[in-house]
N, C-alpha and C. Protein backbone atom coordinates (compact mmCIF):
# COMPACT_ATOMS: atom_id res chain seq x y z
N MET A 1 -13.22 -14.12 -6.87
CA MET A 1 -12.56 -13.06 -6.36
C MET A 1 -11.12 -13.10 -7.15
N GLY A 2 -10.76 -11.82 -7.47
CA GLY A 2 -9.36 -11.70 -8.39
C GLY A 2 -8.16 -11.79 -7.26
N LYS A 3 -7.20 -12.05 -8.11
CA LYS A 3 -5.93 -12.33 -7.61
C LYS A 3 -5.61 -11.34 -6.54
N LEU A 4 -5.76 -9.93 -6.56
CA LEU A 4 -5.50 -9.12 -5.85
C LEU A 4 -6.37 -9.04 -4.51
N ALA A 5 -7.71 -9.16 -4.81
CA ALA A 5 -8.46 -9.19 -3.58
C ALA A 5 -8.42 -10.52 -2.69
N GLU A 6 -7.79 -11.68 -3.39
CA GLU A 6 -7.38 -12.96 -2.56
C GLU A 6 -5.99 -12.63 -1.75
N ARG A 7 -4.95 -11.65 -2.39
CA ARG A 7 -3.87 -11.20 -1.54
C ARG A 7 -4.27 -10.23 -0.57
N LEU A 8 -5.28 -9.66 -0.71
CA LEU A 8 -5.64 -8.59 0.60
C LEU A 8 -6.59 -9.41 1.78
N ALA A 9 -7.09 -10.50 1.15
CA ALA A 9 -7.50 -11.41 2.17
C ALA A 9 -6.90 -12.19 2.75
N ASP A 10 -5.63 -12.33 2.48
CA ASP A 10 -4.70 -13.36 2.97
C ASP A 10 -3.51 -12.54 4.11
N GLU A 11 -3.96 -12.74 5.74
CA GLU A 11 -3.15 -12.34 6.42
C GLU A 11 -1.80 -12.45 6.36
N LYS A 12 -1.25 -13.50 6.05
CA LYS A 12 -0.07 -13.80 5.69
C LYS A 12 0.68 -12.88 4.95
N ARG A 13 -0.01 -12.15 4.09
CA ARG A 13 0.65 -11.34 3.23
C ARG A 13 0.66 -9.83 3.35
N THR A 14 0.20 -9.83 4.66
CA THR A 14 0.50 -8.48 5.30
C THR A 14 1.81 -7.86 5.28
N GLY A 15 1.98 -6.56 4.88
CA GLY A 15 3.10 -6.09 4.61
C GLY A 15 3.21 -4.81 4.06
N VAL A 16 4.29 -4.37 3.50
CA VAL A 16 4.41 -2.83 3.10
C VAL A 16 4.99 -3.19 1.52
N TYR A 17 4.18 -2.70 0.38
CA TYR A 17 4.24 -2.89 -0.76
C TYR A 17 4.16 -1.38 -1.85
N ARG A 18 4.47 -1.63 -2.81
CA ARG A 18 3.95 -0.41 -3.78
C ARG A 18 2.96 -0.66 -4.76
N THR A 19 2.38 0.11 -5.48
CA THR A 19 1.56 -0.04 -6.64
C THR A 19 1.68 1.17 -7.67
N GLU A 20 1.35 0.83 -8.77
CA GLU A 20 1.55 1.99 -9.86
C GLU A 20 0.37 2.66 -9.97
N VAL A 21 -0.99 2.06 -9.73
CA VAL A 21 -2.22 2.51 -9.77
C VAL A 21 -3.07 2.27 -8.69
N THR A 22 -4.04 3.02 -8.42
CA THR A 22 -4.91 2.49 -7.22
C THR A 22 -6.34 1.97 -7.43
N GLU A 23 -6.69 1.96 -8.90
CA GLU A 23 -8.13 1.55 -9.27
C GLU A 23 -8.43 -0.06 -8.85
N ALA A 24 -7.43 -0.69 -9.23
CA ALA A 24 -7.36 -2.18 -8.77
C ALA A 24 -7.48 -2.48 -7.08
N LEU A 25 -6.68 -1.90 -6.73
CA LEU A 25 -6.44 -1.85 -5.10
C LEU A 25 -7.72 -1.45 -4.46
N GLU A 26 -8.33 -0.08 -4.93
CA GLU A 26 -9.61 0.26 -4.17
C GLU A 26 -10.70 -0.80 -4.37
N GLU A 27 -10.76 -1.45 -5.66
CA GLU A 27 -11.90 -2.27 -6.06
C GLU A 27 -11.56 -3.55 -5.03
N ALA A 28 -10.45 -3.98 -5.25
CA ALA A 28 -10.04 -5.26 -4.11
C ALA A 28 -9.99 -5.00 -2.76
N ALA A 29 -9.99 -3.99 -2.27
CA ALA A 29 -10.22 -3.56 -0.74
C ALA A 29 -11.64 -3.57 -0.59
N GLY A 30 -12.41 -3.19 -1.47
CA GLY A 30 -14.07 -3.06 -1.30
C GLY A 30 -14.37 -4.57 -1.24
N ILE A 31 -13.84 -5.39 -2.20
CA ILE A 31 -14.36 -6.61 -2.16
C ILE A 31 -14.15 -7.35 -0.93
N VAL A 32 -13.11 -7.15 -0.43
CA VAL A 32 -12.76 -7.97 1.07
C VAL A 32 -13.09 -7.04 2.09
N GLY A 33 -13.52 -5.69 2.08
CA GLY A 33 -14.03 -4.96 3.30
C GLY A 33 -12.86 -4.31 3.76
N LEU A 34 -11.84 -4.25 3.27
CA LEU A 34 -10.76 -3.20 3.99
C LEU A 34 -11.01 -1.86 3.76
N PRO A 35 -11.16 -1.00 4.60
CA PRO A 35 -11.21 0.41 4.57
C PRO A 35 -9.58 0.90 4.02
N ILE A 36 -9.80 1.96 3.03
CA ILE A 36 -8.30 2.53 2.56
C ILE A 36 -8.21 3.84 3.57
N VAL A 37 -7.23 3.87 4.12
CA VAL A 37 -6.72 5.42 4.79
C VAL A 37 -5.59 5.93 4.06
N ARG A 38 -5.91 7.39 3.52
CA ARG A 38 -4.90 7.85 2.79
C ARG A 38 -4.07 8.76 3.49
N VAL A 39 -2.83 8.71 3.20
CA VAL A 39 -1.97 9.51 3.67
C VAL A 39 -1.15 10.25 2.55
N ASP A 40 -1.36 11.66 2.39
CA ASP A 40 -0.98 12.44 1.23
C ASP A 40 0.27 13.09 1.84
N LEU A 41 1.42 12.92 1.47
CA LEU A 41 2.74 13.70 1.71
C LEU A 41 3.12 14.66 0.74
N ARG A 42 2.04 15.17 -0.14
CA ARG A 42 2.87 16.35 -1.06
C ARG A 42 3.30 17.26 -0.31
N ASP A 43 2.78 17.79 0.55
CA ASP A 43 3.39 19.01 1.04
C ASP A 43 4.42 18.98 2.35
N SER A 44 4.60 17.55 2.50
CA SER A 44 5.75 17.28 3.48
C SER A 44 6.95 17.43 3.33
N SER A 45 7.85 17.50 4.37
CA SER A 45 9.28 17.67 4.11
C SER A 45 9.88 16.60 4.93
N ALA A 46 11.21 16.39 4.87
CA ALA A 46 12.05 15.40 5.41
C ALA A 46 12.12 15.84 6.82
N ASP A 47 11.94 17.10 7.22
CA ASP A 47 11.85 17.64 8.65
C ASP A 47 10.52 17.78 9.23
N ARG A 48 9.56 17.38 8.62
CA ARG A 48 8.08 17.25 8.88
C ARG A 48 7.59 15.81 8.75
N LEU A 49 8.23 15.04 8.30
CA LEU A 49 7.65 13.65 7.65
C LEU A 49 6.98 13.03 8.92
N LEU A 50 7.76 13.10 10.11
CA LEU A 50 7.28 12.14 11.15
C LEU A 50 5.85 12.79 11.71
N ALA A 51 5.89 14.27 11.88
CA ALA A 51 4.46 14.92 12.24
C ALA A 51 3.44 14.52 11.36
N ASP A 52 3.70 14.60 10.08
CA ASP A 52 2.68 14.70 9.11
C ASP A 52 2.23 13.37 8.85
N CYS A 53 3.10 12.56 8.91
CA CYS A 53 2.52 10.67 9.07
C CYS A 53 1.74 10.44 10.29
N ALA A 54 2.23 10.86 11.23
CA ALA A 54 1.46 10.75 12.45
C ALA A 54 -0.02 11.19 12.53
N GLN A 55 0.08 12.65 11.93
CA GLN A 55 -1.36 13.30 11.88
C GLN A 55 -2.30 12.59 10.85
N ALA A 56 -1.63 12.20 9.63
CA ALA A 56 -2.58 11.73 8.76
C ALA A 56 -2.93 10.32 9.08
N ALA A 57 -2.23 9.46 9.62
CA ALA A 57 -2.35 8.01 9.93
C ALA A 57 -3.17 7.92 11.17
N VAL A 58 -2.97 8.53 12.21
CA VAL A 58 -3.43 7.95 13.54
C VAL A 58 -4.01 9.31 14.12
N ALA A 59 -4.00 10.48 13.31
CA ALA A 59 -4.54 11.93 14.00
C ALA A 59 -4.36 12.38 15.02
N ARG A 60 -3.01 12.34 15.65
CA ARG A 60 -2.53 12.88 16.63
C ARG A 60 -1.07 12.54 16.70
N PRO A 61 -0.37 13.78 17.34
CA PRO A 61 1.19 13.85 17.26
C PRO A 61 1.78 12.71 18.05
N LEU A 62 2.50 12.30 17.86
CA LEU A 62 3.49 11.06 18.37
C LEU A 62 4.99 11.34 18.39
N ALA A 63 5.83 10.93 19.35
CA ALA A 63 7.27 11.58 19.81
C ALA A 63 8.27 10.81 19.06
N GLY A 64 7.92 9.76 18.18
CA GLY A 64 9.09 9.07 17.29
C GLY A 64 8.44 8.16 16.54
N TRP A 65 9.35 7.67 15.58
CA TRP A 65 8.99 6.68 14.49
C TRP A 65 8.58 5.11 15.34
N ASP A 66 9.27 4.99 16.46
CA ASP A 66 8.74 3.85 17.41
C ASP A 66 7.26 4.11 17.84
N ALA A 67 6.76 5.23 18.34
CA ALA A 67 5.33 5.46 18.48
C ALA A 67 4.82 5.28 17.35
N VAL A 68 4.95 5.79 16.11
CA VAL A 68 4.15 5.63 15.16
C VAL A 68 3.85 4.24 14.73
N ALA A 69 4.92 3.51 14.59
CA ALA A 69 4.70 2.06 14.55
C ALA A 69 3.91 1.19 15.75
N ALA A 70 3.89 1.59 16.90
CA ALA A 70 3.18 1.24 17.82
C ALA A 70 1.73 1.30 17.53
N ALA A 71 1.43 2.79 17.24
CA ALA A 71 0.03 3.20 16.99
C ALA A 71 -0.68 2.74 15.85
N LEU A 72 0.20 2.26 14.70
CA LEU A 72 -0.26 1.41 13.53
C LEU A 72 -0.64 0.10 13.83
N ALA A 73 0.29 -0.24 14.68
CA ALA A 73 0.10 -1.81 15.10
C ALA A 73 -0.85 -2.05 16.17
N ASP A 74 -1.49 -1.14 16.65
CA ASP A 74 -2.55 -0.98 17.89
C ASP A 74 -3.61 -1.61 17.12
N PRO A 75 -4.17 -3.04 17.73
CA PRO A 75 -5.52 -3.48 17.26
C PRO A 75 -6.54 -2.48 17.18
N ALA A 76 -6.46 -1.77 18.13
CA ALA A 76 -7.86 -0.51 18.12
C ALA A 76 -7.61 0.34 16.57
N TRP A 77 -6.59 0.43 16.33
CA TRP A 77 -6.49 1.33 15.15
C TRP A 77 -6.85 0.62 13.85
N THR A 78 -6.57 -0.54 13.89
CA THR A 78 -6.83 -1.42 12.73
C THR A 78 -7.99 -2.94 13.43
N PRO A 79 -9.10 -2.33 13.40
CA PRO A 79 -10.03 -3.50 13.74
C PRO A 79 -10.33 -4.27 12.66
N PRO A 80 -10.96 -5.48 13.17
CA PRO A 80 -11.13 -6.41 11.92
C PRO A 80 -12.26 -5.68 10.94
N PRO A 81 -12.19 -5.94 9.64
CA PRO A 81 -11.14 -7.07 8.98
C PRO A 81 -9.84 -6.57 8.78
N GLY A 82 -9.45 -5.44 8.88
CA GLY A 82 -7.90 -4.91 8.80
C GLY A 82 -8.12 -3.36 8.21
N ARG A 83 -6.89 -3.21 7.43
CA ARG A 83 -6.82 -1.70 6.92
C ARG A 83 -5.68 -1.87 5.61
N VAL A 84 -5.87 -0.72 4.85
CA VAL A 84 -4.86 -0.46 4.01
C VAL A 84 -4.59 0.80 4.14
N LEU A 85 -3.29 1.29 4.23
CA LEU A 85 -2.59 2.49 4.57
C LEU A 85 -2.12 2.68 3.26
N LEU A 86 -2.67 3.96 2.41
CA LEU A 86 -2.17 4.32 0.89
C LEU A 86 -1.42 5.45 0.92
N ILE A 87 -0.11 5.32 0.74
CA ILE A 87 0.74 6.36 0.87
C ILE A 87 1.07 6.98 -0.47
N GLU A 88 0.74 8.39 -0.67
CA GLU A 88 1.02 9.18 -1.86
C GLU A 88 1.41 10.33 -1.95
N GLY A 89 2.16 10.93 -2.94
CA GLY A 89 2.59 12.17 -2.78
C GLY A 89 3.83 12.42 -2.11
N PHE A 90 4.80 11.26 -2.06
CA PHE A 90 5.89 11.37 -1.43
C PHE A 90 7.23 11.55 -2.29
N GLU A 91 7.03 11.87 -3.49
CA GLU A 91 8.17 11.97 -4.60
C GLU A 91 9.18 13.08 -4.29
N GLU A 92 8.55 14.21 -3.77
CA GLU A 92 9.44 15.38 -3.45
C GLU A 92 10.63 14.85 -2.31
N LEU A 93 9.93 14.05 -1.39
CA LEU A 93 10.58 13.55 -0.42
C LEU A 93 12.05 12.57 -0.90
N LEU A 94 11.66 11.69 -1.99
CA LEU A 94 12.53 11.00 -2.34
C LEU A 94 13.97 12.11 -3.01
N ASP A 95 13.28 12.91 -3.67
CA ASP A 95 14.10 14.01 -4.32
C ASP A 95 15.30 14.76 -3.35
N ASP A 96 14.79 15.15 -2.20
CA ASP A 96 15.43 15.65 -1.10
C ASP A 96 16.69 14.79 -0.67
N GLY A 97 16.71 13.65 -0.67
CA GLY A 97 17.83 12.84 -0.48
C GLY A 97 17.82 11.37 -0.27
N ALA A 98 18.81 10.80 -0.33
CA ALA A 98 18.62 9.19 0.03
C ALA A 98 18.05 8.78 1.14
N GLY A 99 17.28 8.15 1.48
CA GLY A 99 16.90 7.45 2.65
C GLY A 99 15.82 8.26 3.73
N SER A 100 15.26 9.36 2.78
CA SER A 100 14.18 10.27 3.55
C SER A 100 13.05 9.43 3.87
N LEU A 101 12.70 8.22 3.08
CA LEU A 101 11.66 7.46 3.40
C LEU A 101 11.97 6.17 4.38
N GLU A 102 13.05 6.09 4.69
CA GLU A 102 13.38 5.15 5.53
C GLU A 102 12.91 4.88 6.78
N PRO A 103 12.97 5.58 7.47
CA PRO A 103 12.21 5.72 8.71
C PRO A 103 10.79 5.33 8.75
N LEU A 104 10.11 5.78 7.75
CA LEU A 104 8.69 5.60 7.41
C LEU A 104 8.66 4.12 7.13
N VAL A 105 9.04 3.61 6.41
CA VAL A 105 9.17 2.41 5.59
C VAL A 105 9.54 1.35 7.05
N ALA A 106 10.41 1.68 7.84
CA ALA A 106 10.69 0.63 8.74
C ALA A 106 9.46 0.85 9.85
N ALA A 107 9.07 1.91 10.07
CA ALA A 107 7.90 2.14 11.04
C ALA A 107 6.74 1.10 10.54
N LEU A 108 6.44 1.28 9.06
CA LEU A 108 5.33 0.23 8.41
C LEU A 108 5.69 -1.09 8.57
N ASP A 109 6.96 -1.44 8.16
CA ASP A 109 7.31 -2.81 8.58
C ASP A 109 7.15 -3.29 9.79
N SER A 110 7.46 -2.74 10.68
CA SER A 110 7.43 -3.08 12.32
C SER A 110 5.90 -3.42 12.66
N ALA A 111 4.89 -2.35 11.95
CA ALA A 111 3.58 -2.41 12.26
C ALA A 111 3.02 -3.66 11.86
N ALA A 112 3.30 -3.98 10.46
CA ALA A 112 2.97 -5.15 9.44
C ALA A 112 3.39 -6.47 10.13
N ALA A 113 4.53 -6.28 10.96
CA ALA A 113 4.97 -7.62 11.37
C ALA A 113 4.33 -7.90 12.60
N GLN A 114 3.84 -7.02 13.25
CA GLN A 114 2.87 -7.09 14.36
C GLN A 114 1.57 -7.76 14.05
N HIS A 115 1.08 -7.02 13.04
CA HIS A 115 -0.37 -7.54 12.62
C HIS A 115 -0.32 -8.80 12.23
N ARG A 116 0.91 -9.20 11.30
CA ARG A 116 0.91 -10.35 11.06
C ARG A 116 1.13 -11.68 12.04
N LEU A 117 1.54 -11.35 12.90
CA LEU A 117 1.80 -12.05 14.15
C LEU A 117 0.47 -12.39 14.72
N ARG A 118 -0.40 -11.53 14.78
CA ARG A 118 -1.77 -11.56 15.24
C ARG A 118 -2.65 -12.26 14.25
N GLY A 119 -2.03 -12.43 13.16
CA GLY A 119 -3.09 -12.76 12.03
C GLY A 119 -4.12 -11.78 11.57
N GLU A 120 -3.73 -10.44 11.72
CA GLU A 120 -4.45 -9.38 10.91
C GLU A 120 -4.11 -8.95 9.83
N ARG A 121 -4.94 -8.39 9.16
CA ARG A 121 -4.51 -7.80 7.60
C ARG A 121 -4.35 -6.31 7.91
N PHE A 122 -2.91 -5.92 7.31
CA PHE A 122 -2.72 -4.51 7.42
C PHE A 122 -1.68 -4.49 6.19
N PHE A 123 -2.03 -3.51 5.26
CA PHE A 123 -1.56 -3.43 4.13
C PHE A 123 -0.86 -1.97 4.00
N ALA A 124 0.29 -1.34 3.87
CA ALA A 124 0.81 -0.24 3.72
C ALA A 124 1.32 -0.30 2.17
N VAL A 125 0.76 0.73 1.38
CA VAL A 125 0.99 0.68 0.11
C VAL A 125 1.33 1.98 -0.58
N PHE A 126 2.29 2.13 -1.23
CA PHE A 126 2.93 3.44 -1.97
C PHE A 126 2.33 3.54 -3.01
N LEU A 127 1.74 4.62 -3.34
CA LEU A 127 1.32 4.97 -4.73
C LEU A 127 2.53 5.37 -5.58
N ASP A 128 3.30 4.46 -6.24
CA ASP A 128 4.43 4.74 -7.11
C ASP A 128 4.32 4.43 -8.44
N PRO A 129 3.90 5.18 -9.29
CA PRO A 129 3.85 4.89 -10.64
C PRO A 129 5.05 4.97 -11.25
N GLY A 130 6.13 5.73 -10.84
CA GLY A 130 7.43 5.65 -11.36
C GLY A 130 8.37 4.52 -11.03
N ARG A 131 7.64 3.77 -10.06
CA ARG A 131 8.49 2.39 -9.35
C ARG A 131 9.92 2.84 -8.89
N ARG A 132 9.98 3.94 -8.09
CA ARG A 132 10.81 4.78 -7.43
C ARG A 132 11.24 4.11 -6.03
N VAL A 133 10.38 3.35 -5.11
CA VAL A 133 10.41 3.03 -3.95
C VAL A 133 10.87 1.37 -3.97
N ALA A 134 11.90 1.04 -3.30
CA ALA A 134 12.77 -0.20 -3.61
C ALA A 134 11.62 -0.92 -2.51
N LEU A 135 10.71 -1.48 -3.00
CA LEU A 135 9.41 -2.30 -2.37
C LEU A 135 8.95 -3.36 -3.47
N ASP A 136 8.60 -4.41 -2.98
CA ASP A 136 7.97 -5.32 -3.92
C ASP A 136 6.71 -4.67 -4.27
N PRO A 137 6.06 -5.05 -5.53
CA PRO A 137 4.72 -4.51 -5.88
C PRO A 137 3.52 -5.31 -5.07
N LEU A 138 2.53 -4.79 -4.88
CA LEU A 138 1.39 -5.60 -4.40
C LEU A 138 0.95 -6.44 -5.44
N TYR A 139 1.10 -5.96 -6.74
CA TYR A 139 0.71 -6.90 -7.46
C TYR A 139 1.26 -6.40 -8.88
N ASP A 140 1.30 -7.34 -9.95
CA ASP A 140 1.99 -6.72 -11.23
C ASP A 140 0.76 -6.70 -12.11
N ARG A 141 0.24 -5.37 -12.31
CA ARG A 141 -1.06 -5.17 -13.00
C ARG A 141 -0.52 -5.65 -14.90
N ARG A 142 0.58 -5.26 -15.04
CA ARG A 142 1.31 -5.58 -16.44
C ARG A 142 0.96 -7.10 -16.72
N ARG A 143 1.52 -7.82 -15.59
CA ARG A 143 1.55 -9.28 -15.93
C ARG A 143 0.19 -9.79 -15.95
N LEU A 144 -0.46 -9.36 -14.97
CA LEU A 144 -2.13 -9.89 -15.12
C LEU A 144 -2.87 -9.23 -16.21
N ALA A 145 -2.29 -8.12 -17.02
CA ALA A 145 -3.12 -7.75 -18.20
C ALA A 145 -2.69 -8.36 -19.43
N SER A 146 -1.26 -8.65 -19.38
CA SER A 146 -0.82 -9.40 -20.55
C SER A 146 -1.44 -10.87 -20.72
N THR A 147 -1.90 -11.35 -19.63
CA THR A 147 -2.27 -12.87 -19.60
C THR A 147 -3.74 -12.90 -19.91
N THR A 148 -4.50 -11.91 -19.74
CA THR A 148 -5.99 -11.81 -19.75
C THR A 148 -6.45 -11.05 -21.03
N VAL A 149 -6.72 -11.78 -22.04
CA VAL A 149 -7.22 -11.24 -23.23
C VAL A 149 -8.75 -11.41 -23.28
N PRO A 150 -9.43 -10.40 -23.43
CA PRO A 150 -10.99 -10.55 -23.55
C PRO A 150 -11.32 -11.04 -24.85
N ALA A 151 -12.64 -11.93 -24.86
CA ALA A 151 -12.83 -12.68 -26.28
C ALA A 151 -13.10 -11.46 -27.23
N HIS A 152 -13.69 -10.50 -27.13
CA HIS A 152 -13.95 -9.62 -28.16
C HIS A 152 -12.65 -8.97 -28.84
N ALA A 153 -11.51 -9.10 -28.20
CA ALA A 153 -10.29 -8.55 -28.62
C ALA A 153 -9.71 -9.43 -29.60
N VAL A 154 -9.82 -10.80 -29.69
CA VAL A 154 -9.33 -11.66 -30.60
C VAL A 154 -9.99 -11.54 -31.76
N GLU A 155 -9.18 -11.29 -32.73
CA GLU A 155 -9.61 -11.09 -34.32
C GLU A 155 -9.33 -12.65 -34.91
N ASP A 156 -10.22 -12.42 -36.01
CA ASP A 156 -10.02 -13.87 -36.85
C ASP A 156 -8.97 -13.61 -37.69
N GLN A 157 -7.87 -14.42 -37.53
CA GLN A 157 -6.63 -14.50 -38.27
C GLN A 157 -6.63 -15.12 -39.38
N GLY A 158 -7.77 -16.00 -39.68
CA GLY A 158 -7.82 -17.03 -40.90
C GLY A 158 -8.07 -16.11 -42.03
N GLY A 159 -8.07 -16.89 -43.13
CA GLY A 159 -8.16 -16.17 -44.37
C GLY A 159 -9.27 -17.16 -45.11
N ASP A 160 -9.48 -16.82 -46.24
CA ASP A 160 -10.87 -17.66 -47.18
C ASP A 160 -10.42 -19.14 -47.01
N THR A 161 -11.38 -20.06 -46.50
CA THR A 161 -10.91 -21.40 -46.49
C THR A 161 -11.57 -22.04 -47.59
């Protein structure tokens, strides 16, 4: 099992993160059996963010961010083995003004904390290739890539002996 799959298998790591690419996340989630729910915010605005997130994540309107957090923390929404919520297309919201994603991140943090307390796995991950969201990375693909060199990539550096 790879490092990312190990992280997703560890309920103590439940939380809100960012990632630059989805391929490794999709593979690791498949290995540990976590379904991925995609939340596409490309057509959202600051005024519609609450309604769009509620509809995309739990498929029903909710009255506020506390209700979104409670719905995402509900064990019925996240049955074992857990769930990955992948948020993408939010860049325009960042351009609209500082803090436009703060209520969403706070709701996700609250839901993750509830899951962690119950020993459940819940990962909210922002697809953020530009590294614009102030969240910890789920994993550092560059660090992992730079430490792993395939055997066929190593060239013979020696000369004639």
